[in-house]
Amino acid sequence: MRPGSAFLTDLNRDVAALARIRVTTIWTPFDLMILPPTSSTHLPGPSARFNVLLHPLMLRDRRVLKLVHSILTEPGP
């Protein structure tokens, strides 16, 4: 997900397709992998901030997991 990476270049080839995908950003201001951490919030759609100390710990935080579960199980449009 680095700027200019092959992955992001490929995603940008069909930006219109991304408009059909609902994106929820889940981020922490203490992230040392995504710099600056606030760059995670530049996507369209809802954003959820959690004060988790490290990026990898987001995968274990109960509040984050509860939100992910809620998003994945809610009915689609």
PDB file of N, CA and C in Angstrom:
ATOM      1  N   MET A   1       0.823  -1.195   0.000  1.00  0.00           N
ATOM      2  CA  MET A   1       0.000   0.000   0.000  1.00  0.00           C
ATOM      3  C   MET A   1       0.868   1.262   0.000  1.00  0.00           C
ATOM      4  N   ARG A   2       2.110   1.132  -0.380  1.00  0.00           N
ATOM      5  CA  ARG A   2       2.962   2.318  -0.465  1.00  0.00           C
ATOM      6  C   ARG A   2       2.561   3.153  -1.679  1.00  0.00           C
ATOM      7  N   PRO A   3       2.632   4.474  -1.550  1.00  0.00           N
ATOM      8  CA  PRO A   3       2.329   5.317  -2.712  1.00  0.00           C
ATOM      9  C   PRO A   3       3.188   4.899  -3.908  1.00  0.00           C
ATOM     10  N   GLY A   4       2.545   4.746  -5.046  1.00  0.00           N
ATOM     11  CA  GLY A   4       3.255   4.359  -6.261  1.00  0.00           C
ATOM     12  C   GLY A   4       3.495   2.860  -6.400  1.00  0.00           C
ATOM     13  N   SER A   5       3.004   2.061  -5.441  1.00  0.00           N
ATOM     14  CA  SER A   5       3.221   0.612  -5.493  1.00  0.00           C
ATOM     15  C   SER A   5       2.418  -0.009  -6.632  1.00  0.00           C
ATOM     16  N   ALA A   6       2.835  -1.188  -7.056  1.00  0.00           N
ATOM     17  CA  ALA A   6       2.117  -1.911  -8.107  1.00  0.00           C
ATOM     18  C   ALA A   6       0.679  -2.188  -7.676  1.00  0.00           C
ATOM     19  N   PHE A   7       0.468  -2.492  -6.416  1.00  0.00           N
ATOM     20  CA  PHE A   7      -0.865  -2.777  -5.899  1.00  0.00           C
ATOM     21  C   PHE A   7      -1.793  -1.572  -6.075  1.00  0.00           C
ATOM     22  N   LEU A   8      -1.341  -0.394  -5.626  1.00  0.00           N
ATOM     23  CA  LEU A   8      -2.176   0.795  -5.744  1.00  0.00           C
ATOM     24  C   LEU A   8      -2.348   1.225  -7.196  1.00  0.00           C
ATOM     25  N   THR A   9      -1.323   1.041  -7.995  1.00  0.00           N
ATOM     26  CA  THR A   9      -1.432   1.355  -9.419  1.00  0.00           C
ATOM     27  C   THR A   9      -2.513   0.494 -10.061  1.00  0.00           C
ATOM     28  N   ASP A  10      -2.525  -0.790  -9.712  1.00  0.00           N
ATOM     29  CA  ASP A  10      -3.539  -1.701 -10.243  1.00  0.00           C
ATOM     30  C   ASP A  10      -4.941  -1.295  -9.785  1.00  0.00           C
ATOM     31  N   LEU A  11      -5.084  -0.929  -8.521  1.00  0.00           N
ATOM     32  CA  LEU A  11      -6.379  -0.481  -8.008  1.00  0.00           C
ATOM     33  C   LEU A  11      -6.865   0.759  -8.753  1.00  0.00           C
ATOM     34  N   ASN A  12      -5.965   1.659  -9.063  1.00  0.00           N
ATOM     35  CA  ASN A  12      -6.338   2.915  -9.716  1.00  0.00           C
ATOM     36  C   ASN A  12      -6.698   2.750 -11.187  1.00  0.00           C
ATOM     37  N   ARG A  13      -6.431   1.601 -11.763  1.00  0.00           N
ATOM     38  CA  ARG A  13      -6.771   1.381 -13.167  1.00  0.00           C
ATOM     39  C   ARG A  13      -8.273   1.434 -13.412  1.00  0.00           C
ATOM     40  N   ASP A  14      -9.052   1.045 -12.411  1.00  0.00           N
ATOM     41  CA  ASP A  14     -10.509   1.044 -12.551  1.00  0.00           C
ATOM     42  C   ASP A  14     -11.135   1.693 -11.322  1.00  0.00           C
ATOM     43  N   VAL A  15     -10.899   2.984 -11.167  1.00  0.00           N
ATOM     44  CA  VAL A  15     -11.383   3.710  -9.995  1.00  0.00           C
ATOM     45  C   VAL A  15     -12.906   3.669  -9.915  1.00  0.00           C
ATOM     46  N   ALA A  16     -13.588   3.655 -11.040  1.00  0.00           N
ATOM     47  CA  ALA A  16     -15.051   3.615 -11.035  1.00  0.00           C
ATOM     48  C   ALA A  16     -15.568   2.358 -10.339  1.00  0.00           C
ATOM     49  N   ALA A  17     -14.864   1.250 -10.479  1.00  0.00           N
ATOM     50  CA  ALA A  17     -15.279   0.009  -9.821  1.00  0.00           C
ATOM     51  C   ALA A  17     -15.216   0.152  -8.305  1.00  0.00           C
ATOM     52  N   LEU A  18     -14.275   0.929  -7.818  1.00  0.00           N
ATOM     53  CA  LEU A  18     -14.145   1.119  -6.372  1.00  0.00           C
ATOM     54  C   LEU A  18     -15.324   1.892  -5.788  1.00  0.00           C
ATOM     55  N   ALA A  19     -15.991   2.703  -6.601  1.00  0.00           N
ATOM     56  CA  ALA A  19     -17.132   3.488  -6.117  1.00  0.00           C
ATOM     57  C   ALA A  19     -18.279   2.584  -5.674  1.00  0.00           C
ATOM     58  N   ARG A  20     -18.331   1.366  -6.180  1.00  0.00           N
ATOM     59  CA  ARG A  20     -19.403   0.432  -5.815  1.00  0.00           C
ATOM     60  C   ARG A  20     -19.109  -0.321  -4.511  1.00  0.00           C
ATOM     61  N   ILE A  21     -17.916  -0.147  -3.989  1.00  0.00           N
ATOM     62  CA  ILE A  21     -17.507  -0.871  -2.782  1.00  0.00           C
ATOM     63  C   ILE A  21     -17.607   0.047  -1.572  1.00  0.00           C
ATOM     64  N   ARG A  22     -18.317  -0.417  -0.552  1.00  0.00           N
ATOM     65  CA  ARG A  22     -18.417   0.359   0.686  1.00  0.00           C
ATOM     66  C   ARG A  22     -17.146   0.125   1.506  1.00  0.00           C
ATOM     67  N   VAL A  23     -16.480   1.188   1.867  1.00  0.00           N
ATOM     68  CA  VAL A  23     -15.222   1.111   2.608  1.00  0.00           C
ATOM     69  C   VAL A  23     -15.409   1.740   3.976  1.00  0.00           C
ATOM     70  N   THR A  24     -14.985   1.046   5.014  1.00  0.00           N
ATOM     71  CA  THR A  24     -14.924   1.604   6.364  1.00  0.00           C
ATOM     72  C   THR A  24     -13.468   1.597   6.785  1.00  0.00           C
ATOM     73  N   THR A  25     -12.964   2.751   7.155  1.00  0.00           N
ATOM     74  CA  THR A  25     -11.575   2.870   7.590  1.00  0.00           C
ATOM     75  C   THR A  25     -11.505   2.667   9.098  1.00  0.00           C
ATOM     76  N   ILE A  26     -10.651   1.757   9.518  1.00  0.00           N
ATOM     77  CA  ILE A  26     -10.420   1.504  10.944  1.00  0.00           C
ATOM     78  C   ILE A  26      -8.952   1.813  11.180  1.00  0.00           C
ATOM     79  N   TRP A  27      -8.679   2.772  12.064  1.00  0.00           N
ATOM     80  CA  TRP A  27      -7.309   3.240  12.210  1.00  0.00           C
ATOM     81  C   TRP A  27      -6.981   3.607  13.651  1.00  0.00           C
ATOM     82  N   THR A  28      -5.686   3.730  13.914  1.00  0.00           N
ATOM     83  CA  THR A  28      -5.199   4.160  15.219  1.00  0.00           C
ATOM     84  C   THR A  28      -4.227   5.327  15.039  1.00  0.00           C
ATOM     85  N   PRO A  29      -4.315   6.334  15.888  1.00  0.00           N
ATOM     86  CA  PRO A  29      -3.381   7.451  15.779  1.00  0.00           C
ATOM     87  C   PRO A  29      -1.959   7.076  16.206  1.00  0.00           C
ATOM     88  N   PHE A  30      -1.787   5.905  16.790  1.00  0.00           N
ATOM     89  CA  PHE A  30      -0.474   5.468  17.260  1.00  0.00           C
ATOM     90  C   PHE A  30       0.222   4.545  16.270  1.00  0.00           C
ATOM     91  N   ASP A  31      -0.294   4.459  15.066  1.00  0.00           N
ATOM     92  CA  ASP A  31       0.245   3.563  14.044  1.00  0.00           C
ATOM     93  C   ASP A  31       1.645   4.004  13.617  1.00  0.00           C
ATOM     94  N   LEU A  32       2.574   3.073  13.586  1.00  0.00           N
ATOM     95  CA  LEU A  32       3.928   3.358  13.110  1.00  0.00           C
ATOM     96  C   LEU A  32       4.184   2.720  11.748  1.00  0.00           C
ATOM     97  N   MET A  33       3.169   2.043  11.190  1.00  0.00           N
ATOM     98  CA  MET A  33       3.305   1.430   9.863  1.00  0.00           C
ATOM     99  C   MET A  33       2.670   2.303   8.787  1.00  0.00           C
ATOM    100  N   ILE A  34       1.604   2.996   9.126  1.00  0.00           N
ATOM    101  CA  ILE A  34       0.918   3.888   8.198  1.00  0.00           C
ATOM    102  C   ILE A  34       1.272   5.311   8.639  1.00  0.00           C
ATOM    103  N   LEU A  35       2.039   5.996   7.831  1.00  0.00           N
ATOM    104  CA  LEU A  35       2.510   7.326   8.221  1.00  0.00           C
ATOM    105  C   LEU A  35       2.102   8.366   7.191  1.00  0.00           C
ATOM    106  N   PRO A  36       1.554   9.457   7.599  1.00  0.00           N
ATOM    107  CA  PRO A  36       1.022   9.683   8.942  1.00  0.00           C
ATOM    108  C   PRO A  36      -0.244   8.859   9.152  1.00  0.00           C
ATOM    109  N   PRO A  37      -0.541   8.509  10.391  1.00  0.00           N
ATOM    110  CA  PRO A  37      -1.714   7.676  10.665  1.00  0.00           C
ATOM    111  C   PRO A  37      -3.020   8.271  10.134  1.00  0.00           C
ATOM    112  N   THR A  38      -3.117   9.582  10.111  1.00  0.00           N
ATOM    113  CA  THR A  38      -4.348  10.222   9.636  1.00  0.00           C
ATOM    114  C   THR A  38      -4.561  10.024   8.140  1.00  0.00           C
ATOM    115  N   SER A  39      -3.543   9.576   7.417  1.00  0.00           N
ATOM    116  CA  SER A  39      -3.725   9.349   5.975  1.00  0.00           C
ATOM    117  C   SER A  39      -4.720   8.217   5.726  1.00  0.00           C
ATOM    118  N   SER A  40      -5.002   7.423   6.728  1.00  0.00           N
ATOM    119  CA  SER A  40      -5.997   6.352   6.603  1.00  0.00           C
ATOM    120  C   SER A  40      -7.406   6.903   6.462  1.00  0.00           C
ATOM    121  N   THR A  41      -7.616   8.119   6.863  1.00  0.00           N
ATOM    122  CA  THR A  41      -8.970   8.674   6.881  1.00  0.00           C
ATOM    123  C   THR A  41      -9.328   9.406   5.596  1.00  0.00           C
ATOM    124  N   HIS A  42      -8.497   9.370   4.597  1.00  0.00           N
ATOM    125  CA  HIS A  42      -8.755  10.113   3.364  1.00  0.00           C
ATOM    126  C   HIS A  42      -9.668   9.380   2.393  1.00  0.00           C
ATOM    127  N   LEU A  43     -10.093   8.196   2.746  1.00  0.00           N
ATOM    128  CA  LEU A  43     -10.982   7.426   1.880  1.00  0.00           C
ATOM    129  C   LEU A  43     -12.426   7.865   2.097  1.00  0.00           C
ATOM    130  N   PRO A  44     -13.262   7.713   1.063  1.00  0.00           N
ATOM    131  CA  PRO A  44     -14.684   8.004   1.282  1.00  0.00           C
ATOM    132  C   PRO A  44     -15.296   6.925   2.176  1.00  0.00           C
ATOM    133  N   GLY A  45     -16.314   7.278   2.895  1.00  0.00           N
ATOM    134  CA  GLY A  45     -16.977   6.311   3.767  1.00  0.00           C
ATOM    135  C   GLY A  45     -16.667   6.566   5.223  1.00  0.00           C
ATOM    136  N   PRO A  46     -17.289   5.783   6.091  1.00  0.00           N
ATOM    137  CA  PRO A  46     -17.106   5.965   7.534  1.00  0.00           C
ATOM    138  C   PRO A  46     -15.675   5.670   7.972  1.00  0.00           C
ATOM    139  N   SER A  47     -15.291   6.322   9.056  1.00  0.00           N
ATOM    140  CA  SER A  47     -13.962   6.131   9.631  1.00  0.00           C
ATOM    141  C   SER A  47     -14.123   5.883  11.126  1.00  0.00           C
ATOM    142  N   ALA A  48     -13.413   4.881  11.647  1.00  0.00           N
ATOM    143  CA  ALA A  48     -13.477   4.569  13.071  1.00  0.00           C
ATOM    144  C   ALA A  48     -12.066   4.610  13.649  1.00  0.00           C
ATOM    145  N   ARG A  49     -11.885   5.465  14.623  1.00  0.00           N
ATOM    146  CA  ARG A  49     -10.584   5.627  15.277  1.00  0.00           C
ATOM    147  C   ARG A  49     -10.574   4.845  16.591  1.00  0.00           C
ATOM    148  N   PHE A  50      -9.525   4.045  16.781  1.00  0.00           N
ATOM    149  CA  PHE A  50      -9.343   3.297  18.023  1.00  0.00           C
ATOM    150  C   PHE A  50      -7.963   3.610  18.570  1.00  0.00           C
ATOM    151  N   ASN A  51      -7.875   3.885  19.850  1.00  0.00           N
ATOM    152  CA  ASN A  51      -6.592   4.195  20.479  1.00  0.00           C
ATOM    153  C   ASN A  51      -5.871   2.902  20.868  1.00  0.00           C
ATOM    154  N   VAL A  52      -5.394   2.204  19.852  1.00  0.00           N
ATOM    155  CA  VAL A  52      -4.639   0.972  20.028  1.00  0.00           C
ATOM    156  C   VAL A  52      -3.169   1.327  19.822  1.00  0.00           C
ATOM    157  N   LEU A  53      -2.285   0.788  20.672  1.00  0.00           N
ATOM    158  CA  LEU A  53      -0.896   1.256  20.679  1.00  0.00           C
ATOM    159  C   LEU A  53      -0.063   0.896  19.460  1.00  0.00           C
ATOM    160  N   LEU A  54      -0.339  -0.215  18.807  1.00  0.00           N
ATOM    161  CA  LEU A  54       0.461  -0.619  17.652  1.00  0.00           C
ATOM    162  C   LEU A  54      -0.428  -1.194  16.559  1.00  0.00           C
ATOM    163  N   HIS A  55      -0.004  -1.034  15.315  1.00  0.00           N
ATOM    164  CA  HIS A  55      -0.761  -1.525  14.161  1.00  0.00           C
ATOM    165  C   HIS A  55      -1.154  -3.003  14.296  1.00  0.00           C
ATOM    166  N   PRO A  56      -0.213  -3.910  14.619  1.00  0.00           N
ATOM    167  CA  PRO A  56      -0.581  -5.333  14.709  1.00  0.00           C
ATOM    168  C   PRO A  56      -1.608  -5.633  15.806  1.00  0.00           C
ATOM    169  N   LEU A  57      -1.639  -4.805  16.831  1.00  0.00           N
ATOM    170  CA  LEU A  57      -2.589  -5.048  17.932  1.00  0.00           C
ATOM    171  C   LEU A  57      -4.027  -4.739  17.538  1.00  0.00           C
ATOM    172  N   MET A  58      -4.217  -4.067  16.404  1.00  0.00           N
ATOM    173  CA  MET A  58      -5.585  -3.815  15.928  1.00  0.00           C
ATOM    174  C   MET A  58      -6.305  -5.142  15.684  1.00  0.00           C
ATOM    175  N   LEU A  59      -5.552  -6.168  15.292  1.00  0.00           N
ATOM    176  CA  LEU A  59      -6.148  -7.477  14.999  1.00  0.00           C
ATOM    177  C   LEU A  59      -6.622  -8.216  16.238  1.00  0.00           C
ATOM    178  N   ARG A  60      -6.226  -7.748  17.416  1.00  0.00           N
ATOM    179  CA  ARG A  60      -6.602  -8.418  18.664  1.00  0.00           C
ATOM    180  C   ARG A  60      -7.528  -7.592  19.538  1.00  0.00           C
ATOM    181  N   ASP A  61      -7.730  -6.346  19.174  1.00  0.00           N
ATOM    182  CA  ASP A  61      -8.534  -5.460  20.001  1.00  0.00           C
ATOM    183  C   ASP A  61     -10.015  -5.839  19.871  1.00  0.00           C
ATOM    184  N   ARG A  62     -10.656  -6.104  21.003  1.00  0.00           N
ATOM    185  CA  ARG A  62     -12.056  -6.553  20.997  1.00  0.00           C
ATOM    186  C   ARG A  62     -13.002  -5.528  20.369  1.00  0.00           C
ATOM    187  N   ARG A  63     -12.731  -4.251  20.587  1.00  0.00           N
ATOM    188  CA  ARG A  63     -13.601  -3.217  20.011  1.00  0.00           C
ATOM    189  C   ARG A  63     -13.498  -3.219  18.491  1.00  0.00           C
ATOM    190  N   VAL A  64     -12.278  -3.378  17.989  1.00  0.00           N
ATOM    191  CA  VAL A  64     -12.073  -3.425  16.534  1.00  0.00           C
ATOM    192  C   VAL A  64     -12.757  -4.658  15.959  1.00  0.00           C
ATOM    193  N   LEU A  65     -12.555  -5.806  16.599  1.00  0.00           N
ATOM    194  CA  LEU A  65     -13.165  -7.046  16.116  1.00  0.00           C
ATOM    195  C   LEU A  65     -14.687  -6.968  16.135  1.00  0.00           C
ATOM    196  N   LYS A  66     -15.233  -6.333  17.156  1.00  0.00           N
ATOM    197  CA  LYS A  66     -16.687  -6.173  17.233  1.00  0.00           C
ATOM    198  C   LYS A  66     -17.196  -5.316  16.073  1.00  0.00           C
ATOM    199  N   LEU A  67     -16.478  -4.242  15.754  1.00  0.00           N
ATOM    200  CA  LEU A  67     -16.882  -3.392  14.641  1.00  0.00           C
ATOM    201  C   LEU A  67     -16.779  -4.140  13.313  1.00  0.00           C
ATOM    202  N   VAL A  68     -15.689  -4.857  13.110  1.00  0.00           N
ATOM    203  CA  VAL A  68     -15.521  -5.626  11.869  1.00  0.00           C
ATOM    204  C   VAL A  68     -16.645  -6.640  11.727  1.00  0.00           C
ATOM    205  N   HIS A  69     -16.960  -7.340  12.787  1.00  0.00           N
ATOM    206  CA  HIS A  69     -18.058  -8.318  12.765  1.00  0.00           C
ATOM    207  C   HIS A  69     -19.367  -7.639  12.399  1.00  0.00           C
ATOM    208  N   SER A  70     -19.621  -6.496  13.025  1.00  0.00           N
ATOM    209  CA  SER A  70     -20.852  -5.759  12.764  1.00  0.00           C
ATOM    210  C   SER A  70     -20.949  -5.349  11.296  1.00  0.00           C
ATOM    211  N   ILE A  71     -19.859  -4.857  10.739  1.00  0.00           N
ATOM    212  CA  ILE A  71     -19.847  -4.403   9.350  1.00  0.00           C
ATOM    213  C   ILE A  71     -20.057  -5.588   8.406  1.00  0.00           C
ATOM    214  N   LEU A  72     -19.397  -6.695   8.682  1.00  0.00           N
ATOM    215  CA  LEU A  72     -19.473  -7.839   7.782  1.00  0.00           C
ATOM    216  C   LEU A  72     -20.803  -8.588   7.851  1.00  0.00           C
ATOM    217  N   THR A  73     -21.524  -8.435   8.938  1.00  0.00           N
ATOM    218  CA  THR A  73     -22.790  -9.155   9.082  1.00  0.00           C
ATOM    219  C   THR A  73     -24.026  -8.293   8.824  1.00  0.00           C
ATOM    220  N   GLU A  74     -23.833  -6.986   8.641  1.00  0.00           N
ATOM    221  CA  GLU A  74     -25.017  -6.156   8.369  1.00  0.00           C
ATOM    222  C   GLU A  74     -25.491  -6.392   6.946  1.00  0.00           C
ATOM    223  N   PRO A  75     -26.786  -6.328   6.746  1.00  0.00           N
ATOM    224  CA  PRO A  75     -27.323  -6.562   5.395  1.00  0.00           C
ATOM    225  C   PRO A  75     -26.826  -5.518   4.409  1.00  0.00           C
ATOM    226  N   GLY A  76     -26.622  -5.939   3.189  1.00  0.00           N
ATOM    227  CA  GLY A  76     -26.192  -5.028   2.138  1.00  0.00           C
ATOM    228  C   GLY A  76     -27.344  -4.174   1.633  1.00  0.00           C
ATOM    229  N   PRO A  77     -27.032  -3.259   0.716  1.00  0.00           N
ATOM    230  CA  PRO A  77     -28.074  -2.355   0.201  1.00  0.00           C
ATOM    231  C   PRO A  77     -29.126  -3.087  -0.620  1.00  0.00           C
TER     232      PRO A  77
END
